[in-house]
PDB file of N, CA and C in Angstrom:
ATOM      1  N   MET A   1      18.590 -31.758 -38.114  1.00  0.00           N
ATOM      2  CA  MET A   1      19.556 -30.813 -38.195  1.00  0.00           C
ATOM      3  C   MET A   1      18.512 -29.236 -37.963  1.00  0.00           C
ATOM      4  N   THR A   2      18.187 -29.679 -39.129  1.00  0.00           N
ATOM      5  CA  THR A   2      17.562 -28.058 -39.891  1.00  0.00           C
ATOM      6  C   THR A   2      16.478 -27.639 -38.765  1.00  0.00           C
ATOM      7  N   ARG A   3      15.499 -28.673 -38.110  1.00  0.00           N
ATOM      8  CA  ARG A   3      14.729 -28.559 -37.236  1.00  0.00           C
ATOM      9  C   ARG A   3      14.897 -27.104 -35.982  1.00  0.00           C
ATOM     10  N   ILE A   4      16.269 -27.583 -35.706  1.00  0.00           N
ATOM     11  CA  ILE A   4      16.613 -26.970 -34.437  1.00  0.00           C
ATOM     12  C   ILE A   4      16.781 -24.822 -34.604  1.00  0.00           C
ATOM     13  N   PRO A   5      17.212 -24.193 -35.306  1.00  0.00           N
ATOM     14  CA  PRO A   5      17.010 -23.146 -35.658  1.00  0.00           C
ATOM     15  C   PRO A   5      15.600 -22.464 -35.817  1.00  0.00           C
ATOM     16  N   PHE A   6      15.010 -23.651 -36.275  1.00  0.00           N
ATOM     17  CA  PHE A   6      13.174 -23.313 -36.542  1.00  0.00           C
ATOM     18  C   PHE A   6      12.588 -23.033 -35.315  1.00  0.00           C
ATOM     19  N   LEU A   7      13.157 -24.287 -34.344  1.00  0.00           N
ATOM     20  CA  LEU A   7      12.122 -24.118 -32.657  1.00  0.00           C
ATOM     21  C   LEU A   7      12.989 -22.687 -31.569  1.00  0.00           C
ATOM     22  N   LEU A   8      14.281 -22.455 -31.947  1.00  0.00           N
ATOM     23  CA  LEU A   8      14.984 -21.623 -31.366  1.00  0.00           C
ATOM     24  C   LEU A   8      14.488 -20.015 -31.885  1.00  0.00           C
ATOM     25  N   PHE A   9      13.826 -19.871 -33.249  1.00  0.00           N
ATOM     26  CA  PHE A   9      13.881 -18.473 -33.613  1.00  0.00           C
ATOM     27  C   PHE A   9      12.877 -18.121 -32.949  1.00  0.00           C
ATOM     28  N   PRO A  10      11.305 -19.003 -32.664  1.00  0.00           N
ATOM     29  CA  PRO A  10      10.183 -18.465 -32.221  1.00  0.00           C
ATOM     30  C   PRO A  10      10.788 -18.110 -30.496  1.00  0.00           C
ATOM     31  N   ALA A  11      11.783 -18.798 -30.076  1.00  0.00           N
ATOM     32  CA  ALA A  11      11.735 -18.715 -28.327  1.00  0.00           C
ATOM     33  C   ALA A  11      12.317 -17.411 -28.368  1.00  0.00           C
ATOM     34  N   LEU A  12      13.762 -17.155 -29.178  1.00  0.00           N
ATOM     35  CA  LEU A  12      14.029 -16.072 -29.170  1.00  0.00           C
ATOM     36  C   LEU A  12      13.371 -14.658 -29.365  1.00  0.00           C
ATOM     37  N   LEU A  13      12.191 -15.068 -30.288  1.00  0.00           N
ATOM     38  CA  LEU A  13      11.391 -13.961 -30.853  1.00  0.00           C
ATOM     39  C   LEU A  13      10.536 -13.933 -28.975  1.00  0.00           C
ATOM     40  N   ALA A  14       9.883 -14.869 -28.415  1.00  0.00           N
ATOM     41  CA  ALA A  14       9.004 -14.763 -27.233  1.00  0.00           C
ATOM     42  C   ALA A  14      10.216 -14.285 -26.060  1.00  0.00           C
ATOM     43  N   THR A  15      11.229 -14.358 -25.890  1.00  0.00           N
ATOM     44  CA  THR A  15      11.941 -13.490 -25.011  1.00  0.00           C
ATOM     45  C   THR A  15      12.291 -11.867 -25.020  1.00  0.00           C
ATOM     46  N   LEU A  16      12.413 -11.720 -26.402  1.00  0.00           N
ATOM     47  CA  LEU A  16      12.777 -10.413 -26.686  1.00  0.00           C
ATOM     48  C   LEU A  16      12.199  -8.834 -26.028  1.00  0.00           C
ATOM     49  N   PRO A  17      10.499  -9.325 -25.661  1.00  0.00           N
ATOM     50  CA  PRO A  17       9.823  -8.202 -24.504  1.00  0.00           C
ATOM     51  C   PRO A  17      10.720  -8.437 -23.548  1.00  0.00           C
ATOM     52  N   LEU A  18      10.542  -9.514 -22.997  1.00  0.00           N
ATOM     53  CA  LEU A  18      10.853  -9.941 -21.395  1.00  0.00           C
ATOM     54  C   LEU A  18      11.908  -8.836 -21.674  1.00  0.00           C
ATOM     55  N   VAL A  19      13.256  -9.290 -22.244  1.00  0.00           N
ATOM     56  CA  VAL A  19      14.557  -7.953 -22.179  1.00  0.00           C
ATOM     57  C   VAL A  19      14.408  -6.386 -22.583  1.00  0.00           C
ATOM     58  N   ALA A  20      13.684  -6.463 -22.833  1.00  0.00           N
ATOM     59  CA  ALA A  20      13.598  -4.883 -23.412  1.00  0.00           C
ATOM     60  C   ALA A  20      12.779  -4.174 -22.575  1.00  0.00           C
ATOM     61  N   ALA A  21      11.740  -5.086 -21.810  1.00  0.00           N
ATOM     62  CA  ALA A  21      10.649  -4.479 -20.490  1.00  0.00           C
ATOM     63  C   ALA A  21      11.530  -4.453 -19.007  1.00  0.00           C
ATOM     64  N   ALA A  22      12.869  -5.372 -18.860  1.00  0.00           N
ATOM     65  CA  ALA A  22      14.367  -5.443 -17.985  1.00  0.00           C
ATOM     66  C   ALA A  22      13.831  -3.764 -17.075  1.00  0.00           C
ATOM     67  N   ASP A  23      13.758  -3.612 -15.953  1.00  0.00           N
ATOM     68  CA  ASP A  23      14.133  -2.271 -16.001  1.00  0.00           C
ATOM     69  C   ASP A  23      14.972  -1.846 -14.629  1.00  0.00           C
ATOM     70  N   SER A  24      15.767  -0.712 -15.184  1.00  0.00           N
ATOM     71  CA  SER A  24      17.481  -0.612 -14.239  1.00  0.00           C
ATOM     72  C   SER A  24      16.601   0.653 -13.460  1.00  0.00           C
ATOM     73  N   TRP A  25      17.514   0.147 -12.443  1.00  0.00           N
ATOM     74  CA  TRP A  25      17.388   0.809 -11.402  1.00  0.00           C
ATOM     75  C   TRP A  25      18.237   1.994 -11.295  1.00  0.00           C
ATOM     76  N   LYS A  26      19.774   1.923 -12.393  1.00  0.00           N
ATOM     77  CA  LYS A  26      20.427   3.540 -12.597  1.00  0.00           C
ATOM     78  C   LYS A  26      19.609   4.228 -12.678  1.00  0.00           C
ATOM     79  N   HIS A  27      18.991   4.681 -13.543  1.00  0.00           N
ATOM     80  CA  HIS A  27      18.393   6.029 -13.987  1.00  0.00           C
ATOM     81  C   HIS A  27      17.888   6.808 -12.858  1.00  0.00           C
ATOM     82  N   GLY A  28      17.935   6.726 -11.798  1.00  0.00           N
ATOM     83  CA  GLY A  28      17.451   7.033 -10.829  1.00  0.00           C
ATOM     84  C   GLY A  28      16.137   7.480 -10.236  1.00  0.00           C
ATOM     85  N   HIS A  29      15.147   6.733 -10.602  1.00  0.00           N
ATOM     86  CA  HIS A  29      13.825   6.856 -10.339  1.00  0.00           C
ATOM     87  C   HIS A  29      13.584   6.197  -9.323  1.00  0.00           C
ATOM     88  N   HIS A  30      14.204   6.328  -7.816  1.00  0.00           N
ATOM     89  CA  HIS A  30      14.056   5.882  -6.328  1.00  0.00           C
ATOM     90  C   HIS A  30      13.249   6.357  -5.638  1.00  0.00           C
ATOM     91  N   LYS A  31      12.490   7.165  -6.300  1.00  0.00           N
ATOM     92  CA  LYS A  31      11.333   8.263  -5.342  1.00  0.00           C
ATOM     93  C   LYS A  31      10.389   7.025  -5.141  1.00  0.00           C
ATOM     94  N   TYR A  32       9.283   7.187  -4.016  1.00  0.00           N
ATOM     95  CA  TYR A  32       7.984   6.663  -4.322  1.00  0.00           C
ATOM     96  C   TYR A  32       7.099   7.206  -3.189  1.00  0.00           C
ATOM     97  N   LYS A  33       5.768   7.282  -3.073  1.00  0.00           N
ATOM     98  CA  LYS A  33       5.077   7.942  -3.051  1.00  0.00           C
ATOM     99  C   LYS A  33       3.825   7.097  -2.430  1.00  0.00           C
ATOM    100  N   GLU A  34       3.550   6.856  -1.253  1.00  0.00           N
ATOM    101  CA  GLU A  34       2.055   6.105  -0.792  1.00  0.00           C
ATOM    102  C   GLU A  34       1.368   7.072  -0.457  1.00  0.00           C
ATOM    103  N   GLU A  35      -0.234   7.024  -0.382  1.00  0.00           N
ATOM    104  CA  GLU A  35      -1.008   8.098   0.016  1.00  0.00           C
ATOM    105  C   GLU A  35      -2.302   6.628   0.847  1.00  0.00           C
ATOM    106  N   TYR A  36      -2.763   6.153   1.822  1.00  0.00           N
ATOM    107  CA  TYR A  36      -3.791   5.796   2.563  1.00  0.00           C
ATOM    108  C   TYR A  36      -4.561   6.429   3.634  1.00  0.00           C
ATOM    109  N   TRP A  37      -5.477   5.875   3.583  1.00  0.00           N
ATOM    110  CA  TRP A  37      -6.736   6.292   4.965  1.00  0.00           C
ATOM    111  C   TRP A  37      -6.158   5.472   5.733  1.00  0.00           C
ATOM    112  N   ASP A  38      -5.889   6.098   6.941  1.00  0.00           N
ATOM    113  CA  ASP A  38      -5.900   5.508   8.051  1.00  0.00           C
ATOM    114  C   ASP A  38      -7.256   6.242   9.499  1.00  0.00           C
ATOM    115  N   GLY A  39      -8.282   5.033   9.256  1.00  0.00           N
ATOM    116  CA  GLY A  39      -9.434   5.745  10.270  1.00  0.00           C
ATOM    117  C   GLY A  39      -9.652   7.125   9.677  1.00  0.00           C
ATOM    118  N   ASN A  40      -9.408   8.119  10.832  1.00  0.00           N
ATOM    119  CA  ASN A  40      -9.743   9.291  10.134  1.00  0.00           C
ATOM    120  C   ASN A  40      -8.834   9.996   9.347  1.00  0.00           C
ATOM    121  N   CYS A  41      -7.380   9.554   9.345  1.00  0.00           N
ATOM    122  CA  CYS A  41      -6.485  10.008   9.044  1.00  0.00           C
ATOM    123  C   CYS A  41      -6.205  10.202   7.840  1.00  0.00           C
ATOM    124  N   LYS A  42      -5.482  11.086   6.433  1.00  0.00           N
ATOM    125  CA  LYS A  42      -5.115  10.514   5.444  1.00  0.00           C
ATOM    126  C   LYS A  42      -3.634  10.466   5.558  1.00  0.00           C
ATOM    127  N   VAL A  43      -2.898   9.466   5.413  1.00  0.00           N
ATOM    128  CA  VAL A  43      -1.273   9.286   5.816  1.00  0.00           C
ATOM    129  C   VAL A  43      -0.763   9.158   4.761  1.00  0.00           C
ATOM    130  N   GLU A  44       0.051  10.106   4.208  1.00  0.00           N
ATOM    131  CA  GLU A  44       1.609  10.277   2.899  1.00  0.00           C
ATOM    132  C   GLU A  44       2.686  10.237   3.260  1.00  0.00           C
ATOM    133  N   ARG A  45       3.170   8.775   1.950  1.00  0.00           N
ATOM    134  CA  ARG A  45       4.830   8.375   2.581  1.00  0.00           C
ATOM    135  C   ARG A  45       5.057   8.710   1.696  1.00  0.00           C
ATOM    136  N   LYS A  46       6.460   9.598   1.628  1.00  0.00           N
ATOM    137  CA  LYS A  46       7.251   9.946   0.541  1.00  0.00           C
ATOM    138  C   LYS A  46       8.594   8.986   0.519  1.00  0.00           C
ATOM    139  N   ILE A  47       9.718   8.549  -0.161  1.00  0.00           N
ATOM    140  CA  ILE A  47      10.846   8.228   0.228  1.00  0.00           C
ATOM    141  C   ILE A  47      11.599   8.616  -1.078  1.00  0.00           C
ATOM    142  N   GLY A  48      12.440   9.445  -0.673  1.00  0.00           N
ATOM    143  CA  GLY A  48      12.988  10.048  -1.831  1.00  0.00           C
ATOM    144  C   GLY A  48      14.565   9.297  -2.208  1.00  0.00           C
ATOM    145  N   LYS A  49      15.121   9.833  -3.178  1.00  0.00           N
ATOM    146  CA  LYS A  49      16.466   9.585  -4.232  1.00  0.00           C
ATOM    147  C   LYS A  49      17.308   8.522  -2.836  1.00  0.00           C
ATOM    148  N   HIS A  50      17.514   9.548  -2.096  1.00  0.00           N
ATOM    149  CA  HIS A  50      18.756   9.286  -1.417  1.00  0.00           C
ATOM    150  C   HIS A  50      18.282   8.722   0.123  1.00  0.00           C
ATOM    151  N   GLY A  51      17.697   7.723   0.026  1.00  0.00           N
ATOM    152  CA  GLY A  51      17.069   7.362   1.298  1.00  0.00           C
ATOM    153  C   GLY A  51      15.966   8.041   2.123  1.00  0.00           C
ATOM    154  N   GLU A  52      15.882   9.668   1.990  1.00  0.00           N
ATOM    155  CA  GLU A  52      14.845  10.493   3.272  1.00  0.00           C
ATOM    156  C   GLU A  52      13.604   9.411   3.019  1.00  0.00           C
ATOM    157  N   PHE A  53      13.145   9.754   3.823  1.00  0.00           N
ATOM    158  CA  PHE A  53      11.612   9.028   4.799  1.00  0.00           C
ATOM    159  C   PHE A  53      10.791  10.444   5.339  1.00  0.00           C
ATOM    160  N   LYS A  54       9.250  10.654   4.524  1.00  0.00           N
ATOM    161  CA  LYS A  54       8.905  11.007   4.984  1.00  0.00           C
ATOM    162  C   LYS A  54       7.415  10.836   5.577  1.00  0.00           C
ATOM    163  N   GLU A  55       6.736  11.245   6.157  1.00  0.00           N
ATOM    164  CA  GLU A  55       5.419  10.721   6.589  1.00  0.00           C
ATOM    165  C   GLU A  55       4.460  11.597   7.090  1.00  0.00           C
ATOM    166  N   GLU A  56       3.919  12.264   6.471  1.00  0.00           N
ATOM    167  CA  GLU A  56       2.454  13.231   6.531  1.00  0.00           C
ATOM    168  C   GLU A  56       1.288  12.419   7.056  1.00  0.00           C
ATOM    169  N   ARG A  57       0.384  12.807   8.465  1.00  0.00           N
ATOM    170  CA  ARG A  57      -0.573  12.373   8.691  1.00  0.00           C
ATOM    171  C   ARG A  57      -1.867  13.680   8.629  1.00  0.00           C
ATOM    172  N   LYS A  58      -2.599  13.778   8.005  1.00  0.00           N
ATOM    173  CA  LYS A  58      -4.102  14.866   7.892  1.00  0.00           C
ATOM    174  C   LYS A  58      -5.148  14.238   8.836  1.00  0.00           C
ATOM    175  N   CYS A  59      -5.953  14.509  10.078  1.00  0.00           N
ATOM    176  CA  CYS A  59      -6.774  13.560  10.458  1.00  0.00           C
ATOM    177  C   CYS A  59      -7.886  15.032  10.692  1.00  0.00           C
ATOM    178  N   ARG A  60      -8.835  14.075  10.520  1.00  0.00           N
ATOM    179  CA  ARG A  60     -10.088  14.865  10.461  1.00  0.00           C
ATOM    180  C   ARG A  60     -10.499  14.609  11.780  1.00  0.00           C
ATOM    181  N   ALA A  61     -11.803  15.891  12.154  1.00  0.00           N
ATOM    182  CA  ALA A  61     -12.289  15.529  13.485  1.00  0.00           C
ATOM    183  C   ALA A  61     -13.021  14.142  13.673  1.00  0.00           C
ATOM    184  N   PRO A  62     -13.412  13.340  14.468  1.00  0.00           N
ATOM    185  CA  PRO A  62     -14.602  11.684  14.469  1.00  0.00           C
ATOM    186  C   PRO A  62     -15.561  12.649  14.475  1.00  0.00           C
ATOM    187  N   GLU A  63     -16.295  11.764  13.766  1.00  0.00           N
ATOM    188  CA  GLU A  63     -17.888  12.016  13.032  1.00  0.00           C
ATOM    189  C   GLU A  63     -18.465  11.176  13.705  1.00  0.00           C
ATOM    190  N   ALA A  64     -19.653  11.992  14.243  1.00  0.00           N
ATOM    191  CA  ALA A  64     -20.894  11.315  15.390  1.00  0.00           C
ATOM    192  C   ALA A  64     -21.299  10.581  14.431  1.00  0.00           C
ATOM    193  N   VAL A  65     -21.576   9.311  14.932  1.00  0.00           N
ATOM    194  CA  VAL A  65     -22.186   8.014  14.682  1.00  0.00           C
ATOM    195  C   VAL A  65     -23.425   7.664  15.229  1.00  0.00           C
ATOM    196  N   TYR A  66     -24.150   7.395  14.995  1.00  0.00           N
ATOM    197  CA  TYR A  66     -25.499   6.902  15.581  1.00  0.00           C
ATOM    198  C   TYR A  66     -25.780   5.076  15.900  1.00  0.00           C
ATOM    199  N   TYR A  67     -25.717   4.791  16.939  1.00  0.00           N
ATOM    200  CA  TYR A  67     -25.568   3.437  17.819  1.00  0.00           C
ATOM    201  C   TYR A  67     -27.480   3.469  17.908  1.00  0.00           C
ATOM    202  N   ALA A  68     -27.699   2.055  17.711  1.00  0.00           N
ATOM    203  CA  ALA A  68     -28.776   2.199  18.066  1.00  0.00           C
ATOM    204  C   ALA A  68     -29.416   1.364  19.457  1.00  0.00           C
ATOM    205  N   PRO A  69     -29.770   1.460  20.198  1.00  0.00           N
ATOM    206  CA  PRO A  69     -30.120   0.869  21.708  1.00  0.00           C
ATOM    207  C   PRO A  69     -30.243  -0.054  21.581  1.00  0.00           C
ATOM    208  N   GLN A  70     -29.484  -1.105  22.398  1.00  0.00           N
ATOM    209  CA  GLN A  70     -29.920  -2.489  22.381  1.00  0.00           C
ATOM    210  C   GLN A  70     -30.982  -3.268  22.841  1.00  0.00           C
ATOM    211  N   PRO A  71     -31.346  -4.177  21.893  1.00  0.00           N
ATOM    212  CA  PRO A  71     -33.074  -4.579  22.087  1.00  0.00           C
ATOM    213  C   PRO A  71     -33.199  -5.237  23.774  1.00  0.00           C
ATOM    214  N   VAL A  72     -33.962  -4.971  24.200  1.00  0.00           N
ATOM    215  CA  VAL A  72     -34.827  -4.952  25.160  1.00  0.00           C
ATOM    216  C   VAL A  72     -35.510  -6.992  25.296  1.00  0.00           C
ATOM    217  N   TYR A  73     -35.334  -7.422  26.391  1.00  0.00           N
ATOM    218  CA  TYR A  73     -36.135  -8.655  26.211  1.00  0.00           C
ATOM    219  C   TYR A  73     -37.344  -8.409  27.051  1.00  0.00           C
ATOM    220  N   VAL A  74     -39.023  -8.496  26.494  1.00  0.00           N
ATOM    221  CA  VAL A  74     -39.756  -8.221  27.058  1.00  0.00           C
ATOM    222  C   VAL A  74     -40.373  -9.796  27.563  1.00  0.00           C
ATOM    223  N   ALA A  75     -40.484  -9.711  28.955  1.00  0.00           N
ATOM    224  CA  ALA A  75     -41.245 -11.605  29.052  1.00  0.00           C
ATOM    225  C   ALA A  75     -42.393 -11.613  28.912  1.00  0.00           C
ATOM    226  N   PRO A  76     -43.342 -12.549  28.324  1.00  0.00           N
ATOM    227  CA  PRO A  76     -44.552 -12.857  27.537  1.00  0.00           C
ATOM    228  C   PRO A  76     -45.143 -12.593  29.727  1.00  0.00           C
ATOM    229  N   PRO A  77     -46.834 -12.175  29.307  1.00  0.00           N
ATOM    230  CA  PRO A  77     -47.085 -12.395  30.346  1.00  0.00           C
ATOM    231  C   PRO A  77     -47.619 -14.050  30.827  1.00  0.00           C
ATOM    232  N   PRO A  78     -47.467 -14.099  32.272  1.00  0.00           N
ATOM    233  CA  PRO A  78     -47.868 -15.549  32.831  1.00  0.00           C
ATOM    234  C   PRO A  78     -49.479 -16.160  32.045  1.00  0.00           C
ATOM    235  N   PRO A  79     -49.140 -17.107  31.928  1.00  0.00           N
ATOM    236  CA  PRO A  79     -50.773 -17.500  31.604  1.00  0.00           C
ATOM    237  C   PRO A  79     -51.799 -17.275  32.244  1.00  0.00           C
ATOM    238  N   VAL A  80     -52.672 -17.889  31.687  1.00  0.00           N
ATOM    239  CA  VAL A  80     -54.045 -17.136  32.912  1.00  0.00           C
ATOM    240  C   VAL A  80     -54.655 -19.032  32.481  1.00  0.00           C
ATOM    241  N   VAL A  81     -55.036 -19.598  34.104  1.00  0.00           N
ATOM    242  CA  VAL A  81     -55.920 -20.934  33.883  1.00  0.00           C
ATOM    243  C   VAL A  81     -57.595 -20.911  34.348  1.00  0.00           C
ATOM    244  N   VAL A  82     -57.975 -21.422  33.247  1.00  0.00           N
ATOM    245  CA  VAL A  82     -59.250 -20.970  33.731  1.00  0.00           C
ATOM    246  C   VAL A  82     -59.684 -22.755  33.755  1.00  0.00           C
ATOM    247  N   GLN A  83     -59.896 -23.076  35.537  1.00  0.00           N
ATOM    248  CA  GLN A  83     -60.774 -24.636  35.781  1.00  0.00           C
ATOM    249  C   GLN A  83     -61.942 -24.587  35.110  1.00  0.00           C
ATOM    250  N   PRO A  84     -62.057 -26.000  34.212  1.00  0.00           N
ATOM    251  CA  PRO A  84     -63.108 -26.583  33.761  1.00  0.00           C
ATOM    252  C   PRO A  84     -64.806 -26.267  34.533  1.00  0.00           C
ATOM    253  N   GLY A  85     -65.847 -25.774  34.101  1.00  0.00           N
ATOM    254  CA  GLY A  85     -66.873 -25.669  34.774  1.00  0.00           C
ATOM    255  C   GLY A  85     -67.418 -24.386  35.482  1.00  0.00           C
ATOM    256  N   VAL A  86     -68.423 -24.044  36.524  1.00  0.00           N
ATOM    257  CA  VAL A  86     -68.990 -23.086  36.795  1.00  0.00           C
ATOM    258  C   VAL A  86     -68.167 -22.952  38.591  1.00  0.00           C
ATOM    259  N   THR A  87     -67.738 -21.820  38.762  1.00  0.00           N
ATOM    260  CA  THR A  87     -67.662 -21.477  40.115  1.00  0.00           C
ATOM    261  C   THR A  87     -68.310 -20.820  40.808  1.00  0.00           C
ATOM    262  N   ILE A  88     -69.406 -20.629  42.034  1.00  0.00           N
ATOM    263  CA  ILE A  88     -70.001 -19.834  42.263  1.00  0.00           C
ATOM    264  C   ILE A  88     -69.298 -19.531  43.494  1.00  0.00           C
ATOM    265  N   GLN A  89     -69.114 -17.841  43.768  1.00  0.00           N
ATOM    266  CA  GLN A  89     -68.524 -17.096  45.055  1.00  0.00           C
ATOM    267  C   GLN A  89     -66.930 -18.473  45.233  1.00  0.00           C
ATOM    268  N   GLY A  90     -66.274 -18.770  44.482  1.00  0.00           N
ATOM    269  CA  GLY A  90     -65.229 -19.536  44.586  1.00  0.00           C
ATOM    270  C   GLY A  90     -65.337 -20.731  45.912  1.00  0.00           C
ATOM    271  N   THR A  91     -66.729 -21.185  46.351  1.00  0.00           N
ATOM    272  CA  THR A  91     -66.932 -22.538  47.319  1.00  0.00           C
ATOM    273  C   THR A  91     -67.551 -23.434  46.492  1.00  0.00           C
ATOM    274  N   VAL A  92     -68.407 -23.056  45.691  1.00  0.00           N
ATOM    275  CA  VAL A  92     -69.571 -24.126  45.025  1.00  0.00           C
ATOM    276  C   VAL A  92     -69.703 -23.810  43.218  1.00  0.00           C
ATOM    277  N   ARG A  93     -68.518 -25.576  43.196  1.00  0.00           N
ATOM    278  CA  ARG A  93     -68.365 -25.667  41.738  1.00  0.00           C
ATOM    279  C   ARG A  93     -69.274 -26.579  41.033  1.00  0.00           C
ATOM    280  N   LEU A  94     -69.720 -26.282  39.968  1.00  0.00           N
ATOM    281  CA  LEU A  94     -70.646 -27.114  39.048  1.00  0.00           C
ATOM    282  C   LEU A  94     -69.869 -27.731  37.787  1.00  0.00           C
ATOM    283  N   PRO A  95     -69.985 -29.081  37.921  1.00  0.00           N
ATOM    284  CA  PRO A  95     -68.849 -29.345  36.614  1.00  0.00           C
ATOM    285  C   PRO A  95     -69.731 -29.348  35.469  1.00  0.00           C
TER     286      PRO A  95
END
């Protein structure tokens, strides 16, 4: 019977920080702000206390981008076939 308080006391101490960190929404901090980039545009979203919503976009001109040309296939030259032996004026062939 005396072990139960010794086991509950550390559990109680472990849960106290969690209770203290609980955040109540009743203190009026409903404002929210978000910034991010969408392509060349910077987007700012703001949500106010009473649900008003505002989105601003500030866009820059698109930047010039270099694209390398597509590689072109170059076929190798056809093979040269040389007959073995000696050919004289295309008519006489010596092996």
